[in-house]
């Protein structure tokens, strides 16, 4: 075909000539194998009639000689099928085919090796079909014998989810689906299946782990509270992520930064401690001046500390 979309007549004629030469060579081999010398037999009879007449007359000889005369290879002796030593048709070998899964096919029953496609989320979400997720995807199946099989499922998403499971018993029981973790899903929302989740806000930073552990930390600026007297500096720290119940561990230390501005010698300030222990969303942080020092905190004092809390998010 020419670049403008029209048919190139010269090229078309050349193709037809080549095709005719090929057909002529095949017919010549057929005639030679059948020992047909009268050209009228080809012109007056259909090809299959010529072959049939030659077979009936015993002119073709044995099958091996005919195949050799026609230039046929060993594939001519194979039957079509999916068994050992057979020739498979296009589509019969899984990856070369298009096996669409319907909303009535249970994945527990799909053990024939091949490649299958679930085209819709609605199908994957259908109850009782044993999909690992409610997302459309590709199913790879491999098997070894009547009892042993494995399945791999990959979703059609920008950040694909990958699941796998195996069957290895005469009871034909499948193991549970296991999720494969990779660069796109190991970090994310732990509530949605990620291994690690992290984030931050003005209240500090946090990390959540898949086992339910949560850690929060922040730098907290303590200040003077006249209602508590001049012996302490305090601050209510709101956690950057809420715990499931109160934290099980709390810790703190001086930050020793220029953000601190206190009237008391820092060496005379006691360790960081906490109050309001019962809350899952905040805790009180404070420091006291040592009782032996004559100095006192004033209304303009600020003292920065590092605070950490550890507990569970679920």
C-alpha atoms as a PDB file:
ATOM      1  CA  UNK A   1       0.000   0.000   0.000  1.00  0.00           C
ATOM      2  CA  UNK A   2       1.335   3.446  -0.892  1.00  0.00           C
ATOM      3  CA  UNK A   3       1.974   6.117   1.718  1.00  0.00           C
ATOM      4  CA  UNK A   4      -1.205   7.945   0.742  1.00  0.00           C
ATOM      5  CA  UNK A   5      -3.357   4.907   1.575  1.00  0.00           C
ATOM      6  CA  UNK A   6      -3.936   3.783  -2.041  1.00  0.00           C
ATOM      7  CA  UNK A   7      -3.014   0.376  -3.411  1.00  0.00           C
ATOM      8  CA  UNK A   8       0.292   0.186  -5.288  1.00  0.00           C
ATOM      9  CA  UNK A   9      -0.755  -1.822  -8.384  1.00  0.00           C
ATOM     10  CA  UNK A  10       2.807  -2.792  -9.311  1.00  0.00           C
ATOM     11  CA  UNK A  11       3.534  -4.082  -5.801  1.00  0.00           C
ATOM     12  CA  UNK A  12       0.214  -5.932  -5.741  1.00  0.00           C
ATOM     13  CA  UNK A  13       0.956  -7.651  -9.051  1.00  0.00           C
ATOM     14  CA  UNK A  14       4.411  -8.642  -7.821  1.00  0.00           C
ATOM     15  CA  UNK A  15       2.895 -10.203  -4.683  1.00  0.00           C
ATOM     16  CA  UNK A  16       0.350 -12.126  -6.749  1.00  0.00           C
ATOM     17  CA  UNK A  17       3.104 -13.451  -9.021  1.00  0.00           C
ATOM     18  CA  UNK A  18       5.157 -14.673  -6.058  1.00  0.00           C
ATOM     19  CA  UNK A  19       2.093 -16.353  -4.556  1.00  0.00           C
ATOM     20  CA  UNK A  20       1.318 -18.106  -7.834  1.00  0.00           C
ATOM     21  CA  UNK A  21       4.887 -19.385  -8.112  1.00  0.00           C
ATOM     22  CA  UNK A  22       4.655 -20.856  -4.608  1.00  0.00           C
ATOM     23  CA  UNK A  23       1.318 -22.517  -5.350  1.00  0.00           C
ATOM     24  CA  UNK A  24       2.682 -23.883  -8.623  1.00  0.00           C
ATOM     25  CA  UNK A  25       5.640 -25.463  -6.869  1.00  0.00           C
ATOM     26  CA  UNK A  26       3.357 -27.126  -4.315  1.00  0.00           C
ATOM     27  CA  UNK A  27       1.068 -28.459  -7.047  1.00  0.00           C
ATOM     28  CA  UNK A  28       4.045 -29.773  -8.982  1.00  0.00           C
ATOM     29  CA  UNK A  29       5.181 -31.735  -5.937  1.00  0.00           C
ATOM     30  CA  UNK A  30       1.680 -33.118  -5.444  1.00  0.00           C
ATOM     31  CA  UNK A  31       1.496 -34.221  -9.081  1.00  0.00           C
ATOM     32  CA  UNK A  32       4.973 -35.748  -8.948  1.00  0.00           C
ATOM     33  CA  UNK A  33       4.117 -37.688  -5.787  1.00  0.00           C
ATOM     34  CA  UNK A  34       0.892 -38.932  -7.394  1.00  0.00           C
ATOM     35  CA  UNK A  35       2.642 -39.776 -10.670  1.00  0.00           C
ATOM     36  CA  UNK A  36       0.147 -37.637 -12.604  1.00  0.00           C
ATOM     37  CA  UNK A  37       1.485 -36.963 -16.102  1.00  0.00           C
ATOM     38  CA  UNK A  38      -1.681 -35.851 -17.861  1.00  0.00           C
ATOM     39  CA  UNK A  39      -1.998 -32.097 -17.334  1.00  0.00           C
ATOM     40  CA  UNK A  40      -5.707 -32.362 -18.058  1.00  0.00           C
ATOM     41  CA  UNK A  41      -6.200 -34.101 -14.738  1.00  0.00           C
ATOM     42  CA  UNK A  42      -5.266 -30.908 -12.901  1.00  0.00           C
ATOM     43  CA  UNK A  43      -7.269 -28.672 -15.174  1.00  0.00           C
ATOM     44  CA  UNK A  44     -10.432 -30.769 -15.208  1.00  0.00           C
ATOM     45  CA  UNK A  45     -10.478 -32.073 -11.620  1.00  0.00           C
ATOM     46  CA  UNK A  46     -10.376 -30.264  -8.326  1.00  0.00           C
ATOM     47  CA  UNK A  47      -7.134 -30.778  -6.406  1.00  0.00           C
ATOM     48  CA  UNK A  48      -8.753 -32.994  -3.806  1.00  0.00           C
ATOM     49  CA  UNK A  49     -10.221 -35.148  -6.580  1.00  0.00           C
ATOM     50  CA  UNK A  50      -6.769 -35.586  -8.097  1.00  0.00           C
ATOM     51  CA  UNK A  51      -5.315 -36.626  -4.734  1.00  0.00           C
ATOM     52  CA  UNK A  52      -8.226 -38.932  -4.038  1.00  0.00           C
ATOM     53  CA  UNK A  53      -7.814 -40.640  -7.422  1.00  0.00           C
ATOM     54  CA  UNK A  54      -4.087 -41.049  -6.850  1.00  0.00           C
ATOM     55  CA  UNK A  55      -4.638 -42.542  -3.378  1.00  0.00           C
ATOM     56  CA  UNK A  56      -7.231 -44.991  -4.662  1.00  0.00           C
ATOM     57  CA  UNK A  57      -4.937 -46.040  -7.470  1.00  0.00           C
ATOM     58  CA  UNK A  58      -2.071 -46.642  -5.057  1.00  0.00           C
ATOM     59  CA  UNK A  59       0.080 -44.107  -6.885  1.00  0.00           C
ATOM     60  CA  UNK A  60       1.138 -42.128  -3.815  1.00  0.00           C
ATOM     61  CA  UNK A  61       3.187 -44.870  -2.161  1.00  0.00           C
ATOM     62  CA  UNK A  62       3.621 -44.807   1.629  1.00  0.00           C
ATOM     63  CA  UNK A  63       2.927 -41.724   3.792  1.00  0.00           C
ATOM     64  CA  UNK A  64       6.593 -41.029   4.524  1.00  0.00           C
ATOM     65  CA  UNK A  65       7.433 -40.823   0.809  1.00  0.00           C
ATOM     66  CA  UNK A  66       4.537 -38.441   0.195  1.00  0.00           C
ATOM     67  CA  UNK A  67       5.600 -36.151   3.036  1.00  0.00           C
ATOM     68  CA  UNK A  68       9.158 -36.213   1.760  1.00  0.00           C
ATOM     69  CA  UNK A  69       8.040 -35.434  -1.762  1.00  0.00           C
ATOM     70  CA  UNK A  70       5.943 -32.504  -0.560  1.00  0.00           C
ATOM     71  CA  UNK A  71       8.774 -31.166   1.578  1.00  0.00           C
ATOM     72  CA  UNK A  72       6.793 -31.571   4.822  1.00  0.00           C
ATOM     73  CA  UNK A  73       8.634 -31.734   8.150  1.00  0.00           C
ATOM     74  CA  UNK A  74       7.922 -33.718  11.300  1.00  0.00           C
ATOM     75  CA  UNK A  75       5.074 -31.397  12.352  1.00  0.00           C
ATOM     76  CA  UNK A  76       2.885 -33.051   9.720  1.00  0.00           C
ATOM     77  CA  UNK A  77       2.764 -36.223  11.834  1.00  0.00           C
ATOM     78  CA  UNK A  78       1.615 -34.499  15.057  1.00  0.00           C
ATOM     79  CA  UNK A  79      -1.955 -34.275  16.292  1.00  0.00           C
ATOM     80  CA  UNK A  80      -3.466 -31.049  17.595  1.00  0.00           C
ATOM     81  CA  UNK A  81      -3.998 -30.980  21.374  1.00  0.00           C
ATOM     82  CA  UNK A  82      -2.471 -29.989  24.697  1.00  0.00           C
ATOM     83  CA  UNK A  83      -0.997 -33.378  25.633  1.00  0.00           C
ATOM     84  CA  UNK A  84       2.622 -34.458  25.532  1.00  0.00           C
ATOM     85  CA  UNK A  85       3.991 -34.499  21.974  1.00  0.00           C
ATOM     86  CA  UNK A  86       0.943 -32.732  20.514  1.00  0.00           C
ATOM     87  CA  UNK A  87       0.756 -29.403  18.711  1.00  0.00           C
ATOM     88  CA  UNK A  88      -1.149 -26.642  20.490  1.00  0.00           C
ATOM     89  CA  UNK A  89      -3.372 -24.225  18.658  1.00  0.00           C
ATOM     90  CA  UNK A  90      -3.079 -20.468  19.173  1.00  0.00           C
ATOM     91  CA  UNK A  91      -4.814 -19.656  22.439  1.00  0.00           C
ATOM     92  CA  UNK A  92      -4.353 -23.124  23.924  1.00  0.00           C
ATOM     93  CA  UNK A  93      -1.154 -22.281  25.778  1.00  0.00           C
ATOM     94  CA  UNK A  94      -2.384 -19.580  28.152  1.00  0.00           C
ATOM     95  CA  UNK A  95       0.026 -16.722  27.548  1.00  0.00           C
ATOM     96  CA  UNK A  96      -0.777 -16.722  23.859  1.00  0.00           C
ATOM     97  CA  UNK A  97      -4.503 -16.741  24.522  1.00  0.00           C
ATOM     98  CA  UNK A  98      -7.108 -14.465  26.014  1.00  0.00           C
ATOM     99  CA  UNK A  99      -8.875 -16.198  28.890  1.00  0.00           C
ATOM    100  CA  UNK A 100     -11.361 -13.744  30.344  1.00  0.00           C
ATOM    101  CA  UNK A 101     -12.715 -14.572  33.782  1.00  0.00           C
ATOM    102  CA  UNK A 102     -16.453 -14.170  34.330  1.00  0.00           C
ATOM    103  CA  UNK A 103     -18.297 -13.251  37.524  1.00  0.00           C
ATOM    104  CA  UNK A 104     -19.224 -16.903  38.035  1.00  0.00           C
ATOM    105  CA  UNK A 105     -15.735 -18.458  37.962  1.00  0.00           C
ATOM    106  CA  UNK A 106     -14.259 -19.361  41.325  1.00  0.00           C
ATOM    107  CA  UNK A 107     -10.467 -18.949  41.406  1.00  0.00           C
ATOM    108  CA  UNK A 108     -10.249 -22.061  43.592  1.00  0.00           C
ATOM    109  CA  UNK A 109     -11.291 -24.098  40.561  1.00  0.00           C
ATOM    110  CA  UNK A 110      -8.827 -22.587  38.065  1.00  0.00           C
ATOM    111  CA  UNK A 111      -5.803 -24.896  37.984  1.00  0.00           C
ATOM    112  CA  UNK A 112      -5.102 -25.230  34.261  1.00  0.00           C
ATOM    113  CA  UNK A 113      -1.750 -23.511  33.642  1.00  0.00           C
ATOM    114  CA  UNK A 114      -2.062 -20.270  31.737  1.00  0.00           C
ATOM    115  CA  UNK A 115      -2.756 -16.575  31.820  1.00  0.00           C
ATOM    116  CA  UNK A 116      -6.210 -15.290  32.784  1.00  0.00           C
ATOM    117  CA  UNK A 117      -7.669 -11.787  32.868  1.00  0.00           C
ATOM    118  CA  UNK A 118     -10.237 -10.348  35.263  1.00  0.00           C
ATOM    119  CA  UNK A 119     -11.523  -7.324  33.326  1.00  0.00           C
ATOM    120  CA  UNK A 120     -13.624  -5.585  35.988  1.00  0.00           C
ATOM    121  CA  UNK A 121     -13.468  -4.632  39.659  1.00  0.00           C
ATOM    122  CA  UNK A 122     -17.055  -5.831  39.983  1.00  0.00           C
ATOM    123  CA  UNK A 123     -15.968  -9.356  39.073  1.00  0.00           C
ATOM    124  CA  UNK A 124     -13.063  -9.353  41.548  1.00  0.00           C
ATOM    125  CA  UNK A 125     -15.406  -8.039  44.249  1.00  0.00           C
ATOM    126  CA  UNK A 126     -18.012 -10.774  43.765  1.00  0.00           C
ATOM    127  CA  UNK A 127     -18.492 -12.725  46.975  1.00  0.00           C
ATOM    128  CA  UNK A 128     -17.347 -16.336  46.970  1.00  0.00           C
ATOM    129  CA  UNK A 129     -14.954 -16.161  44.002  1.00  0.00           C
ATOM    130  CA  UNK A 130     -11.856 -16.097  46.275  1.00  0.00           C
ATOM    131  CA  UNK A 131     -10.042 -13.105  44.777  1.00  0.00           C
ATOM    132  CA  UNK A 132      -7.315 -11.613  46.991  1.00  0.00           C
ATOM    133  CA  UNK A 133      -8.626  -8.091  46.384  1.00  0.00           C
ATOM    134  CA  UNK A 134     -11.565  -6.324  44.812  1.00  0.00           C
ATOM    135  CA  UNK A 135      -9.451  -4.969  41.942  1.00  0.00           C
ATOM    136  CA  UNK A 136      -9.323  -6.221  38.357  1.00  0.00           C
ATOM    137  CA  UNK A 137      -6.078  -7.878  37.325  1.00  0.00           C
ATOM    138  CA  UNK A 138      -4.146 -10.703  35.709  1.00  0.00           C
ATOM    139  CA  UNK A 139      -4.047 -14.241  37.093  1.00  0.00           C
ATOM    140  CA  UNK A 140      -1.064 -16.520  36.395  1.00  0.00           C
ATOM    141  CA  UNK A 141      -1.597 -20.224  37.094  1.00  0.00           C
ATOM    142  CA  UNK A 142       0.922 -23.073  37.205  1.00  0.00           C
ATOM    143  CA  UNK A 143       0.370 -26.681  38.236  1.00  0.00           C
ATOM    144  CA  UNK A 144       2.256 -29.924  38.778  1.00  0.00           C
ATOM    145  CA  UNK A 145      -0.056 -32.889  38.889  1.00  0.00           C
ATOM    146  CA  UNK A 146      -3.576 -33.129  40.226  1.00  0.00           C
ATOM    147  CA  UNK A 147      -2.920 -31.677  43.677  1.00  0.00           C
ATOM    148  CA  UNK A 148      -0.136 -29.110  43.343  1.00  0.00           C
ATOM    149  CA  UNK A 149      -0.870 -25.655  41.945  1.00  0.00           C
ATOM    150  CA  UNK A 150       0.103 -22.013  42.430  1.00  0.00           C
ATOM    151  CA  UNK A 151      -1.549 -18.707  41.544  1.00  0.00           C
ATOM    152  CA  UNK A 152      -0.144 -15.199  41.165  1.00  0.00           C
ATOM    153  CA  UNK A 153      -2.487 -12.198  40.890  1.00  0.00           C
ATOM    154  CA  UNK A 154      -1.409  -8.697  39.761  1.00  0.00           C
ATOM    155  CA  UNK A 155      -3.860  -5.783  39.815  1.00  0.00           C
ATOM    156  CA  UNK A 156      -4.419  -3.301  36.989  1.00  0.00           C
ATOM    157  CA  UNK A 157      -3.419  -0.221  39.001  1.00  0.00           C
ATOM    158  CA  UNK A 158      -0.740   2.460  38.736  1.00  0.00           C
ATOM    159  CA  UNK A 159       0.802   1.025  41.906  1.00  0.00           C
ATOM    160  CA  UNK A 160       0.097  -2.678  41.329  1.00  0.00           C
ATOM    161  CA  UNK A 161      -0.760  -5.017  44.157  1.00  0.00           C
ATOM    162  CA  UNK A 162       0.733  -8.518  43.870  1.00  0.00           C
ATOM    163  CA  UNK A 163      -0.661 -11.578  45.655  1.00  0.00           C
ATOM    164  CA  UNK A 164       0.248 -15.275  45.562  1.00  0.00           C
ATOM    165  CA  UNK A 165      -0.928 -18.570  47.063  1.00  0.00           C
ATOM    166  CA  UNK A 166      -0.353 -22.311  46.630  1.00  0.00           C
ATOM    167  CA  UNK A 167      -2.213 -25.587  46.896  1.00  0.00           C
ATOM    168  CA  UNK A 168      -0.307 -28.672  48.027  1.00  0.00           C
ATOM    169  CA  UNK A 169      -2.632 -31.319  49.370  1.00  0.00           C
ATOM    170  CA  UNK A 170      -4.864 -34.149  48.252  1.00  0.00           C
ATOM    171  CA  UNK A 171      -7.777 -32.311  49.919  1.00  0.00           C
ATOM    172  CA  UNK A 172      -7.382 -29.614  47.226  1.00  0.00           C
ATOM    173  CA  UNK A 173      -7.262 -26.878  49.839  1.00  0.00           C
ATOM    174  CA  UNK A 174      -5.728 -23.546  48.893  1.00  0.00           C
ATOM    175  CA  UNK A 175      -3.516 -21.631  51.294  1.00  0.00           C
ATOM    176  CA  UNK A 176      -4.348 -18.024  52.088  1.00  0.00           C
ATOM    177  CA  UNK A 177      -3.429 -15.218  49.712  1.00  0.00           C
ATOM    178  CA  UNK A 178      -0.158 -13.488  50.641  1.00  0.00           C
ATOM    179  CA  UNK A 179       0.647  -9.946  49.606  1.00  0.00           C
ATOM    180  CA  UNK A 180       4.008  -9.193  48.007  1.00  0.00           C
ATOM    181  CA  UNK A 181       5.631  -5.962  49.220  1.00  0.00           C
ATOM    182  CA  UNK A 182       7.674  -3.734  46.921  1.00  0.00           C
ATOM    183  CA  UNK A 183       8.778  -0.132  46.453  1.00  0.00           C
ATOM    184  CA  UNK A 184       5.251   1.164  45.835  1.00  0.00           C
ATOM    185  CA  UNK A 185       3.462  -0.308  48.842  1.00  0.00           C
ATOM    186  CA  UNK A 186       5.922  -1.005  51.671  1.00  0.00           C
ATOM    187  CA  UNK A 187       5.495   2.616  52.848  1.00  0.00           C
ATOM    188  CA  UNK A 188       2.002   4.092  52.942  1.00  0.00           C
ATOM    189  CA  UNK A 189      -1.094   3.780  55.077  1.00  0.00           C
ATOM    190  CA  UNK A 190      -0.712   0.879  57.514  1.00  0.00           C
ATOM    191  CA  UNK A 191      -4.492   0.741  57.808  1.00  0.00           C
ATOM    192  CA  UNK A 192      -4.558  -0.078  54.088  1.00  0.00           C
ATOM    193  CA  UNK A 193      -1.877  -2.764  54.291  1.00  0.00           C
ATOM    194  CA  UNK A 194       1.469  -0.937  54.147  1.00  0.00           C
ATOM    195  CA  UNK A 195       4.321  -2.032  56.430  1.00  0.00           C
ATOM    196  CA  UNK A 196       5.390   1.455  57.547  1.00  0.00           C
ATOM    197  CA  UNK A 197       3.548   4.771  57.709  1.00  0.00           C
ATOM    198  CA  UNK A 198       5.170   8.069  58.618  1.00  0.00           C
ATOM    199  CA  UNK A 199       4.115  11.681  58.768  1.00  0.00           C
ATOM    200  CA  UNK A 200       4.588  15.003  60.502  1.00  0.00           C
ATOM    201  CA  UNK A 201       2.766  18.158  61.511  1.00  0.00           C
ATOM    202  CA  UNK A 202       3.374  21.195  63.686  1.00  0.00           C
ATOM    203  CA  UNK A 203       2.996  18.847  66.668  1.00  0.00           C
ATOM    204  CA  UNK A 204       5.921  16.655  65.626  1.00  0.00           C
ATOM    205  CA  UNK A 205       6.556  13.444  63.688  1.00  0.00           C
ATOM    206  CA  UNK A 206       5.280   9.888  63.923  1.00  0.00           C
ATOM    207  CA  UNK A 207       5.868   6.387  62.589  1.00  0.00           C
ATOM    208  CA  UNK A 208       3.334   3.566  62.548  1.00  0.00           C
ATOM    209  CA  UNK A 209       4.294  -0.068  61.976  1.00  0.00           C
ATOM    210  CA  UNK A 210       2.218  -2.934  60.633  1.00  0.00           C
ATOM    211  CA  UNK A 211       2.434  -4.792  63.957  1.00  0.00           C
ATOM    212  CA  UNK A 212       0.482  -1.962  65.633  1.00  0.00           C
ATOM    213  CA  UNK A 213       3.402  -0.073  67.206  1.00  0.00           C
ATOM    214  CA  UNK A 214       3.415   3.730  67.031  1.00  0.00           C
ATOM    215  CA  UNK A 215       6.121   6.235  67.953  1.00  0.00           C
ATOM    216  CA  UNK A 216       5.789  10.029  68.197  1.00  0.00           C
ATOM    217  CA  UNK A 217       8.439  12.650  68.872  1.00  0.00           C
ATOM    218  CA  UNK A 218       8.779  16.423  68.852  1.00  0.00           C
ATOM    219  CA  UNK A 219      10.638  19.413  70.206  1.00  0.00           C
ATOM    220  CA  UNK A 220       8.388  21.107  72.772  1.00  0.00           C
ATOM    221  CA  UNK A 221       8.828  24.672  74.022  1.00  0.00           C
ATOM    222  CA  UNK A 222       7.958  24.880  77.728  1.00  0.00           C
ATOM    223  CA  UNK A 223       6.817  28.194  79.168  1.00  0.00           C
ATOM    224  CA  UNK A 224       5.888  29.890  82.429  1.00  0.00           C
ATOM    225  CA  UNK A 225       2.439  29.345  83.927  1.00  0.00           C
ATOM    226  CA  UNK A 226       1.679  31.744  86.765  1.00  0.00           C
ATOM    227  CA  UNK A 227      -1.004  29.438  88.157  1.00  0.00           C
ATOM    228  CA  UNK A 228       1.639  26.816  88.897  1.00  0.00           C
ATOM    229  CA  UNK A 229       4.128  29.120  90.584  1.00  0.00           C
ATOM    230  CA  UNK A 230       7.650  30.036  89.584  1.00  0.00           C
ATOM    231  CA  UNK A 231       9.231  26.655  90.189  1.00  0.00           C
ATOM    232  CA  UNK A 232       8.330  24.975  86.895  1.00  0.00           C
ATOM    233  CA  UNK A 233       7.862  25.427  83.127  1.00  0.00           C
ATOM    234  CA  UNK A 234       5.118  23.469  81.322  1.00  0.00           C
ATOM    235  CA  UNK A 235       3.526  22.709  77.967  1.00  0.00           C
ATOM    236  CA  UNK A 236       0.726  20.442  76.775  1.00  0.00           C
ATOM    237  CA  UNK A 237       2.063  18.349  73.888  1.00  0.00           C
ATOM    238  CA  UNK A 238      -0.578  17.187  71.390  1.00  0.00           C
ATOM    239  CA  UNK A 239       0.622  14.017  69.697  1.00  0.00           C
ATOM    240  CA  UNK A 240       1.064  14.195  65.902  1.00  0.00           C
ATOM    241  CA  UNK A 241      -0.914  10.912  65.690  1.00  0.00           C
ATOM    242  CA  UNK A 242      -3.486   9.618  68.175  1.00  0.00           C
ATOM    243  CA  UNK A 243      -2.666   6.441  70.095  1.00  0.00           C
ATOM    244  CA  UNK A 244      -5.014   3.567  70.784  1.00  0.00           C
ATOM    245  CA  UNK A 245      -5.165   4.186  74.521  1.00  0.00           C
ATOM    246  CA  UNK A 246      -2.507   6.058  76.427  1.00  0.00           C
ATOM    247  CA  UNK A 247       1.168   5.664  75.442  1.00  0.00           C
ATOM    248  CA  UNK A 248       3.073   2.929  77.231  1.00  0.00           C
ATOM    249  CA  UNK A 249       6.384   4.817  77.245  1.00  0.00           C
ATOM    250  CA  UNK A 250       7.250   8.510  77.597  1.00  0.00           C
ATOM    251  CA  UNK A 251      10.678  10.093  77.549  1.00  0.00           C
ATOM    252  CA  UNK A 252      12.326  13.462  77.219  1.00  0.00           C
ATOM    253  CA  UNK A 253      15.593  15.382  77.382  1.00  0.00           C
ATOM    254  CA  UNK A 254      16.763  19.006  77.139  1.00  0.00           C
ATOM    255  CA  UNK A 255      17.211  20.225  73.585  1.00  0.00           C
ATOM    256  CA  UNK A 256      20.033  22.621  74.512  1.00  0.00           C
ATOM    257  CA  UNK A 257      19.276  25.061  71.722  1.00  0.00           C
ATOM    258  CA  UNK A 258      19.234  28.830  71.438  1.00  0.00           C
ATOM    259  CA  UNK A 259      15.427  28.582  71.577  1.00  0.00           C
ATOM    260  CA  UNK A 260      15.785  28.183  75.348  1.00  0.00           C
ATOM    261  CA  UNK A 261      15.868  31.370  77.379  1.00  0.00           C
ATOM    262  CA  UNK A 262      15.606  30.836  81.115  1.00  0.00           C
ATOM    263  CA  UNK A 263      16.369  32.806  84.255  1.00  0.00           C
ATOM    264  CA  UNK A 264      17.580  29.685  86.017  1.00  0.00           C
ATOM    265  CA  UNK A 265      20.981  28.177  85.330  1.00  0.00           C
ATOM    266  CA  UNK A 266      20.273  25.175  83.010  1.00  0.00           C
ATOM    267  CA  UNK A 267      22.386  23.018  85.300  1.00  0.00           C
ATOM    268  CA  UNK A 268      19.859  23.721  88.027  1.00  0.00           C
ATOM    269  CA  UNK A 269      16.906  22.466  85.990  1.00  0.00           C
ATOM    270  CA  UNK A 270      15.710  18.946  86.682  1.00  0.00           C
ATOM    271  CA  UNK A 271      14.854  16.185  84.187  1.00  0.00           C
ATOM    272  CA  UNK A 272      11.903  16.277  81.821  1.00  0.00           C
ATOM    273  CA  UNK A 273       8.795  14.648  83.271  1.00  0.00           C
ATOM    274  CA  UNK A 274       5.183  14.215  82.271  1.00  0.00           C
ATOM    275  CA  UNK A 275       1.643  14.542  83.646  1.00  0.00           C
ATOM    276  CA  UNK A 276      -1.894  13.958  82.303  1.00  0.00           C
ATOM    277  CA  UNK A 277      -0.844  10.378  81.553  1.00  0.00           C
ATOM    278  CA  UNK A 278      -4.323   9.082  80.755  1.00  0.00           C
ATOM    279  CA  UNK A 279      -4.930  10.681  77.357  1.00  0.00           C
ATOM    280  CA  UNK A 280      -4.401   9.041  73.947  1.00  0.00           C
ATOM    281  CA  UNK A 281      -4.031  12.400  72.167  1.00  0.00           C
ATOM    282  CA  UNK A 282      -1.849  14.588  74.393  1.00  0.00           C
ATOM    283  CA  UNK A 283       0.385  14.684  77.478  1.00  0.00           C
ATOM    284  CA  UNK A 284       1.682  17.396  79.795  1.00  0.00           C
ATOM    285  CA  UNK A 285       5.434  18.062  79.680  1.00  0.00           C
ATOM    286  CA  UNK A 286       7.285  19.978  82.396  1.00  0.00           C
ATOM    287  CA  UNK A 287      10.565  20.648  84.161  1.00  0.00           C
ATOM    288  CA  UNK A 288      11.246  21.842  87.713  1.00  0.00           C
ATOM    289  CA  UNK A 289      14.101  23.930  89.024  1.00  0.00           C
ATOM    290  CA  UNK A 290      16.116  22.250  91.678  1.00  0.00           C
ATOM    291  CA  UNK A 291      14.906  23.128  95.157  1.00  0.00           C
ATOM    292  CA  UNK A 292      18.337  24.170  96.381  1.00  0.00           C
ATOM    293  CA  UNK A 293      18.705  27.028  93.867  1.00  0.00           C
ATOM    294  CA  UNK A 294      17.560  30.492  94.838  1.00  0.00           C
ATOM    295  CA  UNK A 295      16.776  31.438  91.259  1.00  0.00           C
ATOM    296  CA  UNK A 296      13.212  31.222  89.962  1.00  0.00           C
ATOM    297  CA  UNK A 297      11.581  31.035  86.547  1.00  0.00           C
ATOM    298  CA  UNK A 298      10.059  34.230  85.206  1.00  0.00           C
ATOM    299  CA  UNK A 299       7.121  34.925  82.904  1.00  0.00           C
ATOM    300  CA  UNK A 300       9.344  35.353  79.822  1.00  0.00           C
ATOM    301  CA  UNK A 301      11.236  32.094  80.240  1.00  0.00           C
ATOM    302  CA  UNK A 302      11.129  29.375  77.547  1.00  0.00           C
ATOM    303  CA  UNK A 303      12.849  26.028  77.642  1.00  0.00           C
ATOM    304  CA  UNK A 304      12.962  23.634  74.687  1.00  0.00           C
ATOM    305  CA  UNK A 305      12.952  19.884  75.298  1.00  0.00           C
ATOM    306  CA  UNK A 306      12.740  16.777  73.142  1.00  0.00           C
ATOM    307  CA  UNK A 307       9.764  14.554  73.954  1.00  0.00           C
ATOM    308  CA  UNK A 308       8.984  11.037  72.773  1.00  0.00           C
ATOM    309  CA  UNK A 309       5.978   8.760  73.214  1.00  0.00           C
ATOM    310  CA  UNK A 310       5.558   5.104  72.280  1.00  0.00           C
ATOM    311  CA  UNK A 311       2.448   2.954  72.252  1.00  0.00           C
ATOM    312  CA  UNK A 312       0.029   1.371  69.801  1.00  0.00           C
ATOM    313  CA  UNK A 313      -2.113   2.716  67.005  1.00  0.00           C
ATOM    314  CA  UNK A 314      -4.379  -0.354  67.048  1.00  0.00           C
END
